[in-house]
N, C-alpha and C. Protein backbone atom coordinates (compact mmCIF):
# COMPACT_ATOMS: atom_id res chain seq x y z
N MET A 1 -43.12 11.84 101.95
CA MET A 1 -42.36 12.62 101.10
C MET A 1 -41.70 13.75 101.86
N ALA A 2 -40.46 13.82 101.73
CA ALA A 2 -39.65 14.94 102.36
C ALA A 2 -39.86 16.15 101.60
N MET A 3 -40.62 17.10 102.10
CA MET A 3 -40.97 18.40 101.33
C MET A 3 -39.66 19.13 101.18
N ALA A 4 -39.46 19.74 99.97
CA ALA A 4 -38.33 20.45 99.69
C ALA A 4 -38.46 21.76 100.62
N ASP A 5 -37.09 22.28 100.89
CA ASP A 5 -36.98 23.40 101.84
C ASP A 5 -37.63 24.59 101.23
N GLU A 6 -37.61 24.73 99.93
CA GLU A 6 -38.20 25.93 99.22
C GLU A 6 -39.70 25.93 99.45
N THR A 7 -40.35 24.69 99.10
CA THR A 7 -41.67 24.52 99.32
C THR A 7 -42.17 24.81 100.64
N ARG A 8 -41.37 24.17 101.69
CA ARG A 8 -41.78 24.45 103.06
C ARG A 8 -41.82 25.99 103.42
N ARG A 9 -40.73 26.73 102.91
CA ARG A 9 -40.61 28.14 103.08
C ARG A 9 -41.83 28.93 102.51
N LEU A 10 -42.16 28.50 101.29
CA LEU A 10 -43.20 29.22 100.60
C LEU A 10 -44.56 28.97 101.31
N ILE A 11 -44.82 27.80 101.75
CA ILE A 11 -46.00 27.44 102.52
C ILE A 11 -46.19 28.27 103.78
N ARG A 12 -44.93 28.41 104.48
CA ARG A 12 -45.02 29.14 105.66
C ARG A 12 -45.17 30.72 105.35
N ALA A 13 -44.52 31.16 104.31
CA ALA A 13 -44.74 32.61 103.83
C ALA A 13 -46.13 32.81 103.50
N ARG A 14 -46.82 31.83 102.74
CA ARG A 14 -48.27 32.00 102.45
C ARG A 14 -49.15 32.10 103.64
N ASP A 15 -48.89 31.31 104.65
CA ASP A 15 -49.82 31.27 105.81
C ASP A 15 -49.48 32.61 106.70
N GLU A 16 -48.33 33.05 106.68
CA GLU A 16 -48.06 34.27 107.50
C GLU A 16 -48.77 35.54 106.90
N LYS A 17 -48.76 35.55 105.57
CA LYS A 17 -49.26 36.80 105.01
C LYS A 17 -50.80 36.74 104.60
N ARG A 18 -51.33 35.61 104.73
CA ARG A 18 -52.82 35.43 104.51
C ARG A 18 -53.70 36.21 105.39
N ALA A 19 -54.65 36.95 104.83
CA ALA A 19 -55.57 37.88 105.41
C ALA A 19 -56.78 37.15 105.56
N ARG A 20 -57.59 37.47 106.68
CA ARG A 20 -58.86 36.86 106.91
C ARG A 20 -59.87 37.98 106.56
N PHE A 21 -60.51 37.81 105.27
CA PHE A 21 -61.44 38.82 104.81
C PHE A 21 -62.82 38.49 105.47
N ARG A 22 -63.30 39.32 106.29
CA ARG A 22 -64.59 39.06 106.89
C ARG A 22 -65.69 40.15 106.43
N ARG A 23 -66.89 39.72 106.49
CA ARG A 23 -68.03 40.66 106.11
C ARG A 23 -68.15 41.83 107.02
N TYR A 24 -68.24 42.91 106.38
CA TYR A 24 -68.47 44.19 107.00
C TYR A 24 -69.93 44.14 107.78
N GLY A 25 -69.91 44.53 109.00
CA GLY A 25 -71.13 44.50 109.88
C GLY A 25 -71.40 43.22 110.43
N ARG A 26 -70.61 42.11 110.30
CA ARG A 26 -70.95 40.90 111.03
C ARG A 26 -71.05 40.98 112.43
N ASP A 27 -70.40 41.91 113.09
CA ASP A 27 -70.29 42.02 114.53
C ASP A 27 -71.49 42.80 115.01
N VAL A 28 -72.28 43.57 114.09
CA VAL A 28 -73.44 44.25 114.47
C VAL A 28 -74.71 43.45 114.37
N LYS A 29 -74.80 42.82 113.30
CA LYS A 29 -76.00 41.82 113.03
C LYS A 29 -75.58 40.41 113.19
N LYS A 30 -76.25 39.85 114.15
CA LYS A 30 -75.98 38.39 114.37
C LYS A 30 -76.19 37.47 113.34
N ARG A 31 -77.16 37.86 112.46
CA ARG A 31 -77.62 36.82 111.33
C ARG A 31 -76.68 36.90 110.22
N LEU A 32 -75.78 37.78 110.20
CA LEU A 32 -74.87 37.95 109.06
C LEU A 32 -73.64 36.86 109.29
N ALA A 33 -73.32 36.16 108.24
CA ALA A 33 -72.24 35.15 108.39
C ALA A 33 -70.93 35.98 108.19
N GLU A 34 -69.81 35.31 108.58
CA GLU A 34 -68.53 36.02 108.58
C GLU A 34 -67.95 35.85 107.09
N THR A 35 -68.57 35.13 106.16
CA THR A 35 -67.97 35.04 104.84
C THR A 35 -68.03 36.23 104.11
N TRP A 36 -67.02 36.52 103.35
CA TRP A 36 -66.83 37.79 102.66
C TRP A 36 -67.99 38.07 101.58
N ARG A 37 -68.47 39.26 101.73
CA ARG A 37 -69.35 39.77 100.72
C ARG A 37 -68.86 41.20 100.47
N LYS A 38 -68.80 41.61 99.19
CA LYS A 38 -68.34 42.87 98.74
C LYS A 38 -69.20 43.92 99.23
N PRO A 39 -68.85 44.90 99.98
CA PRO A 39 -69.76 46.01 100.45
C PRO A 39 -70.02 46.90 99.27
N LYS A 40 -71.39 47.18 99.22
CA LYS A 40 -71.87 48.01 98.12
C LYS A 40 -72.45 49.36 98.54
N GLY A 41 -72.53 49.64 99.75
CA GLY A 41 -73.11 50.89 100.24
C GLY A 41 -72.39 52.16 99.85
N GLN A 42 -73.12 53.22 99.59
CA GLN A 42 -72.45 54.38 99.04
C GLN A 42 -71.49 55.05 100.13
N HIS A 43 -71.87 54.93 101.44
CA HIS A 43 -71.07 55.49 102.55
C HIS A 43 -70.19 54.40 103.23
N ASN A 44 -70.17 53.30 102.77
CA ASN A 44 -69.43 52.23 103.40
C ASN A 44 -67.94 52.49 103.49
N LYS A 45 -67.39 52.44 104.74
CA LYS A 45 -66.01 52.85 105.02
C LYS A 45 -65.09 51.79 104.35
N LEU A 46 -65.48 50.48 104.45
CA LEU A 46 -64.60 49.36 103.94
C LEU A 46 -64.66 49.48 102.35
N ARG A 47 -65.70 49.75 101.78
CA ARG A 47 -65.74 49.88 100.23
C ARG A 47 -64.71 51.01 99.89
N ARG A 48 -64.71 52.09 100.65
CA ARG A 48 -63.80 53.14 100.34
C ARG A 48 -62.52 52.88 100.85
N LYS A 49 -62.14 51.63 101.33
CA LYS A 49 -60.82 51.19 101.77
C LYS A 49 -60.24 52.14 102.75
N ILE A 50 -60.94 52.51 103.84
CA ILE A 50 -60.39 53.19 104.80
C ILE A 50 -59.69 52.06 105.71
N GLY A 51 -58.47 52.23 106.04
CA GLY A 51 -57.58 51.06 106.56
C GLY A 51 -58.04 50.39 107.75
N ALA A 52 -58.47 51.16 108.70
CA ALA A 52 -58.81 50.72 110.05
C ALA A 52 -60.02 49.75 110.04
N LYS A 53 -60.82 49.70 108.93
CA LYS A 53 -62.03 48.92 108.84
C LYS A 53 -61.75 47.48 108.45
N GLY A 54 -60.48 47.17 108.18
CA GLY A 54 -60.12 45.73 107.95
C GLY A 54 -59.66 45.54 106.51
N PRO A 55 -59.05 44.49 106.26
CA PRO A 55 -58.37 44.19 104.93
C PRO A 55 -59.47 44.04 103.87
N TYR A 56 -59.13 44.45 102.64
CA TYR A 56 -60.10 44.38 101.45
C TYR A 56 -59.35 43.51 100.51
N PRO A 57 -60.01 42.46 99.85
CA PRO A 57 -59.31 41.62 98.79
C PRO A 57 -58.74 42.41 97.69
N LYS A 58 -57.40 42.28 97.35
CA LYS A 58 -56.86 42.93 96.26
C LYS A 58 -55.54 42.11 95.88
N PRO A 59 -55.09 42.50 94.77
CA PRO A 59 -53.80 41.63 94.32
C PRO A 59 -52.68 41.93 95.31
N GLY A 60 -52.00 40.99 95.58
CA GLY A 60 -50.93 41.09 96.55
C GLY A 60 -51.17 40.14 97.74
N TYR A 61 -52.46 39.77 97.98
CA TYR A 61 -52.76 38.78 98.91
C TYR A 61 -52.64 37.32 98.38
N GLY A 62 -52.37 37.19 97.13
CA GLY A 62 -52.24 35.82 96.58
C GLY A 62 -51.07 35.09 97.06
N SER A 63 -51.18 33.80 96.99
CA SER A 63 -50.05 32.92 97.55
C SER A 63 -49.05 32.70 96.21
N PRO A 64 -47.89 32.23 96.53
CA PRO A 64 -46.92 31.94 95.56
C PRO A 64 -47.40 30.84 94.67
N VAL A 65 -47.17 30.92 93.37
CA VAL A 65 -47.80 29.94 92.31
C VAL A 65 -47.34 28.47 92.63
N MET A 66 -46.17 28.33 93.20
CA MET A 66 -45.59 27.05 93.35
C MET A 66 -46.34 26.28 94.44
N VAL A 67 -46.99 26.96 95.38
CA VAL A 67 -47.70 26.30 96.56
C VAL A 67 -49.10 26.62 96.53
N ARG A 68 -49.68 27.33 95.52
CA ARG A 68 -51.14 27.75 95.46
C ARG A 68 -51.94 26.43 95.47
N GLY A 69 -52.92 26.38 96.33
CA GLY A 69 -53.81 25.19 96.48
C GLY A 69 -53.27 24.01 97.07
N LEU A 70 -52.02 24.07 97.61
CA LEU A 70 -51.58 22.91 98.40
C LEU A 70 -52.06 22.93 99.81
N HIS A 71 -52.13 21.71 100.45
CA HIS A 71 -52.46 21.54 101.80
C HIS A 71 -51.20 21.98 102.58
N PRO A 72 -51.43 22.34 103.80
CA PRO A 72 -50.21 22.89 104.73
C PRO A 72 -49.18 21.77 104.79
N SER A 73 -49.55 20.52 104.62
CA SER A 73 -48.57 19.49 104.72
C SER A 73 -47.69 19.44 103.39
N GLY A 74 -48.07 20.07 102.34
CA GLY A 74 -47.29 20.20 101.11
C GLY A 74 -47.81 19.30 100.02
N TYR A 75 -48.87 18.48 100.26
CA TYR A 75 -49.50 17.56 99.34
C TYR A 75 -50.60 18.27 98.65
N GLN A 76 -50.98 17.81 97.37
CA GLN A 76 -52.21 18.17 96.81
C GLN A 76 -53.39 17.43 97.45
N ASP A 77 -54.41 18.18 97.86
CA ASP A 77 -55.50 17.55 98.44
C ASP A 77 -56.64 17.03 97.55
N MET A 78 -56.73 15.65 97.55
CA MET A 78 -57.60 15.00 96.50
C MET A 78 -58.86 14.41 97.31
N VAL A 79 -59.99 14.76 96.93
CA VAL A 79 -61.14 14.04 97.52
C VAL A 79 -61.46 12.71 96.77
N VAL A 80 -61.58 11.53 97.64
CA VAL A 80 -61.78 10.30 97.10
C VAL A 80 -63.09 9.80 97.55
N ALA A 81 -63.95 9.30 96.64
CA ALA A 81 -65.22 8.65 96.95
C ALA A 81 -65.34 7.25 96.75
N THR A 82 -64.40 6.64 96.05
CA THR A 82 -64.42 5.24 95.68
C THR A 82 -62.96 4.66 95.85
N PRO A 83 -62.75 3.44 96.09
CA PRO A 83 -61.43 2.90 96.13
C PRO A 83 -60.72 2.95 94.71
N ALA A 84 -61.51 2.97 93.61
CA ALA A 84 -60.96 2.95 92.19
C ALA A 84 -60.32 4.33 91.98
N ALA A 85 -60.81 5.36 92.59
CA ALA A 85 -60.38 6.70 92.31
C ALA A 85 -58.94 6.93 92.63
N MET A 86 -58.37 6.09 93.56
CA MET A 86 -57.06 6.33 93.97
C MET A 86 -56.06 5.70 92.93
N ALA A 87 -56.42 5.06 91.99
CA ALA A 87 -55.61 4.42 90.96
C ALA A 87 -54.61 5.42 90.23
N ASP A 88 -55.18 6.64 89.98
CA ASP A 88 -54.41 7.52 89.24
C ASP A 88 -53.56 8.60 90.08
N LEU A 89 -53.53 8.32 91.39
CA LEU A 89 -52.94 9.22 92.26
C LEU A 89 -51.49 8.75 92.73
N ASP A 90 -50.66 9.70 92.98
CA ASP A 90 -49.26 9.39 93.36
C ASP A 90 -49.21 9.70 94.88
N PRO A 91 -48.68 8.76 95.62
CA PRO A 91 -48.55 9.13 97.09
C PRO A 91 -47.48 10.10 97.50
N ASN A 92 -46.66 10.42 96.55
CA ASN A 92 -45.63 11.34 96.70
C ASN A 92 -46.09 12.75 96.49
N VAL A 93 -47.14 12.99 95.73
CA VAL A 93 -47.70 14.19 95.37
C VAL A 93 -49.09 14.54 96.02
N HIS A 94 -49.90 13.49 96.13
CA HIS A 94 -51.24 13.62 96.65
C HIS A 94 -51.50 13.19 98.06
N ALA A 95 -52.41 13.84 98.78
CA ALA A 95 -52.96 13.35 100.02
C ALA A 95 -54.42 13.11 99.71
N VAL A 96 -54.88 12.11 100.52
CA VAL A 96 -56.29 11.56 100.27
C VAL A 96 -57.22 12.22 101.38
N ARG A 97 -58.30 12.75 100.88
CA ARG A 97 -59.44 13.14 101.86
C ARG A 97 -60.65 12.37 101.37
N ILE A 98 -61.17 11.59 102.27
CA ILE A 98 -62.29 10.71 101.99
C ILE A 98 -63.52 11.52 101.99
N ALA A 99 -64.35 11.41 100.93
CA ALA A 99 -65.59 12.27 100.72
C ALA A 99 -66.48 12.12 101.81
N ALA A 100 -67.32 13.11 102.12
CA ALA A 100 -68.13 13.17 103.35
C ALA A 100 -69.19 12.22 103.25
N ALA A 101 -69.75 11.85 102.01
CA ALA A 101 -70.95 11.05 101.87
C ALA A 101 -70.51 9.56 101.88
N VAL A 102 -69.31 9.15 102.09
CA VAL A 102 -68.94 7.71 102.02
C VAL A 102 -69.24 7.12 103.41
N GLY A 103 -69.85 5.94 103.32
CA GLY A 103 -70.24 5.19 104.62
C GLY A 103 -69.07 4.52 105.12
N ALA A 104 -69.38 3.83 106.39
CA ALA A 104 -68.33 3.31 107.20
C ALA A 104 -67.57 2.20 106.58
N ARG A 105 -68.29 1.41 105.83
CA ARG A 105 -67.65 0.21 105.26
C ARG A 105 -66.77 0.57 104.15
N LYS A 106 -67.21 1.51 103.15
CA LYS A 106 -66.31 1.88 102.02
C LYS A 106 -65.21 2.75 102.59
N ARG A 107 -65.44 3.52 103.68
CA ARG A 107 -64.35 4.43 104.24
C ARG A 107 -63.33 3.66 104.72
N ALA A 108 -63.51 2.49 105.37
CA ALA A 108 -62.56 1.53 105.93
C ALA A 108 -61.79 0.99 104.74
N GLU A 109 -62.49 0.57 103.71
CA GLU A 109 -61.78 0.02 102.52
C GLU A 109 -60.87 1.00 101.92
N ILE A 110 -61.41 2.30 101.80
CA ILE A 110 -60.49 3.26 101.22
C ILE A 110 -59.24 3.44 102.08
N ARG A 111 -59.47 3.56 103.35
CA ARG A 111 -58.50 3.88 104.37
C ARG A 111 -57.37 2.71 104.32
N ASP A 112 -57.79 1.45 104.14
CA ASP A 112 -56.80 0.36 104.12
C ASP A 112 -55.95 0.37 102.83
N LEU A 113 -56.64 0.71 101.69
CA LEU A 113 -55.99 0.86 100.48
C LEU A 113 -54.92 2.00 100.46
N ALA A 114 -55.36 3.15 101.03
CA ALA A 114 -54.48 4.26 101.08
C ALA A 114 -53.27 4.10 101.98
N GLU A 115 -53.40 3.25 103.06
CA GLU A 115 -52.31 2.94 104.00
C GLU A 115 -51.35 2.08 103.28
N LYS A 116 -51.88 1.07 102.57
CA LYS A 116 -50.93 0.10 101.80
C LYS A 116 -50.23 0.81 100.74
N ALA A 117 -50.88 1.78 100.06
CA ALA A 117 -50.17 2.48 98.97
C ALA A 117 -49.26 3.51 99.50
N GLY A 118 -49.30 3.97 100.72
CA GLY A 118 -48.42 4.98 101.31
C GLY A 118 -49.07 6.37 101.24
N PHE A 119 -50.35 6.63 101.13
CA PHE A 119 -50.96 7.78 100.98
C PHE A 119 -51.08 8.47 102.34
N ARG A 120 -51.15 9.71 102.53
CA ARG A 120 -51.45 10.42 103.69
C ARG A 120 -52.91 10.68 103.67
N ILE A 121 -53.66 10.29 104.78
CA ILE A 121 -55.09 10.45 104.85
C ILE A 121 -55.31 11.69 105.78
N LEU A 122 -55.93 12.66 105.12
CA LEU A 122 -56.25 13.95 105.84
C LEU A 122 -57.39 13.79 106.83
N ASN A 123 -58.39 12.92 106.59
CA ASN A 123 -59.51 12.72 107.51
C ASN A 123 -59.83 11.34 107.69
N PRO A 124 -59.07 10.53 108.33
CA PRO A 124 -59.24 9.13 108.46
C PRO A 124 -60.59 8.76 109.26
N GLY A 125 -61.10 9.61 110.12
CA GLY A 125 -62.37 9.43 110.77
C GLY A 125 -62.13 8.79 112.14
N PRO A 126 -63.12 8.81 112.98
CA PRO A 126 -63.00 8.42 114.37
C PRO A 126 -62.72 6.83 114.57
N ALA A 127 -63.16 6.09 113.58
CA ALA A 127 -62.78 4.62 113.74
C ALA A 127 -61.38 4.39 113.71
N ALA A 128 -60.62 5.09 112.88
CA ALA A 128 -59.21 4.89 112.71
C ALA A 128 -58.46 5.39 113.95
N ALA A 129 -58.96 6.47 114.58
CA ALA A 129 -58.24 6.94 115.88
C ALA A 129 -58.37 5.94 116.97
N LYS A 130 -59.68 5.40 117.10
CA LYS A 130 -59.96 4.41 118.09
C LYS A 130 -59.13 3.17 117.99
N LYS A 131 -58.93 2.74 116.59
CA LYS A 131 -58.26 1.58 116.32
C LYS A 131 -56.83 1.69 116.65
N GLU A 132 -56.17 2.91 116.43
CA GLU A 132 -54.84 3.33 116.76
C GLU A 132 -54.62 3.22 118.23
N GLU A 133 -55.49 3.75 119.13
CA GLU A 133 -55.49 3.79 120.40
C GLU A 133 -55.46 2.22 121.05
N GLU A 134 -56.32 1.47 120.49
CA GLU A 134 -56.38 0.04 120.76
C GLU A 134 -55.05 -0.71 120.58
N GLU A 135 -54.40 -0.37 119.43
CA GLU A 135 -53.14 -1.04 119.08
C GLU A 135 -52.09 -0.53 119.98
N ALA A 136 -52.13 0.80 120.37
CA ALA A 136 -51.09 1.31 121.22
C ALA A 136 -51.23 0.72 122.66
N GLY A 137 -52.50 0.57 123.11
CA GLY A 137 -52.76 -0.10 124.44
C GLY A 137 -52.26 -1.59 124.42
N SER A 138 -52.42 -2.33 123.38
CA SER A 138 -52.17 -3.74 123.45
C SER A 138 -50.56 -3.91 123.44
N ASP A 139 -49.87 -2.89 122.92
CA ASP A 139 -48.36 -3.00 122.85
C ASP A 139 -47.77 -2.89 124.32
N GLU A 140 -48.42 -2.26 125.22
CA GLU A 140 -47.92 -1.98 126.49
C GLU A 140 -47.94 -3.27 127.38
């Protein structure tokens, strides 16, 4: 799919203005994850929105409605666990991500069906990369 210029521009704008909201105190205590948690402390500087303490989630950080939830490639990211799940998808709109719990045999089957239908596969797996290297080596 050739992505429209406006969509490409909006995705680029979304990625440029995106803030990384990280948990306050994560650099002091090693056991704290970086995932965002709202600061609740009475004297917490980030809760009081003192600017140098980092960005605080608020309106204005949202992405444009036209590209909200889209993969950076411009496709809608769809998780597929069975080959039958691809029947309702459109290769011009959707990109396929194979579910993590899918085994090697079914993963290969889904990958083959997706390639025939013209879907973009976001996580083809190591077997596909190895297969592509072998094909490139045999051409030489």
